Every structure is written in structure tokens, then in C-alpha cells.
Amino acid sequence: MSSRVRFPTARDVFATFPDLGRLTPEPADETTPLDHVRRLLASKRPAGSILFMAHLLPRREAVWWARQCVGAILGPSAEDEALRAAQAWVRAPDEENRRSALDIGNARDRRIPTTWLALAAGWSGGSRSAPEHKPMPPQPSACARAANAAIILAITAQEPVAISPWIRACNEAGIRFADGGDADVIPPTDLQAGR
């Protein structure tokens, strides 16, 4: 298994994405990125660990991890056009699939988690503007922020008792995936009720 971590320290992630420091705490030491995810998960604001993980992973991997999280949390109701568009881009990250995901994401309700999956794929590169307009590249953190939004929207749509366990389950999958394993999200066993 080969690591998907592309930064030697957590601080390097913040240096690459300066706006991240306004949204989640930066470490005071030279901790590794995955140790920082664990610290954030154990903090008073564990949702910051999802945002950090979305920035830590390469864009394609961040979209796949977010897709796995949203799919695990929402179950069959997540299977829609936007999720399929994001998944198609992950499997074949070409301009046609990216543009298709962007168009689908732009046309959908932004209160739906899968819309943000399509936008994450659409904002992975290329241009945010229509082909007939001057190209406008997405912000460097746009893909990660959209992946984060997809996961957080899916998690917060659950019963309050399920929020922390799902944050933990998504982070565990992200850590495993970053370490070179699969991105499969194991549903929390400490939930009383199902979805």
C-alpha cells in the first residue's frame, strides 16, 4: 500500500491552503498530517478534521473519499445524477467528465450533499465558467471545500446522536485511505438507530 499523503507536515497543508487556517486550527508543532487529523478529531470541534482531511488528500482522492462517506451515511438515497457524475470523474478524470459534473452541480439544489460531490469534481481544475466565456479557474481549495460540504451536509442531516460517530467513521476511512488502504466507510456500531 502506498501513502496518498502528499505533505510531510500538517503545517505544509496550511501553507498550501492559507485560507484553511481561518476555518480550523493550525498545529503549533511539526506534527504529521494524519496525527493532526487525529488531534482535530479529539478536539472540541471535531468537524474540522473532515475539512483538513479534504485538503490533505489529492483532489481526485478527496472526491472519492467524500463520495464513500456520503454513500455510507445516506445509503441508497445518495444514488443520484450528481453522485454518479462525481464518480464518473473519479474513474475517468478527463475534461468531459469534469465539465459534466460541474454543470450538474451548478444546476442542483445546494442543500443536497450529492450536489457538493458534483461540484467537488467540477472544481478540481479547469474552468468554473461556461465554455463560451473567459476561463476562470476555481480557487485552490474549492474542491476540498466542496468535498467537505458534501460530507458535513450528509452528517448533519442525521439525528444529533449520530453526528459524532459519523465524523469519526468518515475520518477513520480517510486515515485508512490516506495510508494507502481503501476508502470504505464502516458505519458506526454505536448508533442505536439505522439511517
Foldseek 3Di string as FASTA:
>chain_A
DAFQFPDQFLVVLCVVVVCLCVPDPGDPDRHHLLVVLVVCLPDPNNLSSLLSLLSRGQLLVLLVLLLQLLCQLVPPVLPDPLSVLLVVCSVPVDPVSLVSLLVQLVPDDLLALSSLSSQLSVLNWWANDDPVDDGHHHDPCSNSVSSSSSNQSSLVVDDPVQNSQSSVQSSVLSSCVSRPHHSHGDRDPPDPDGD
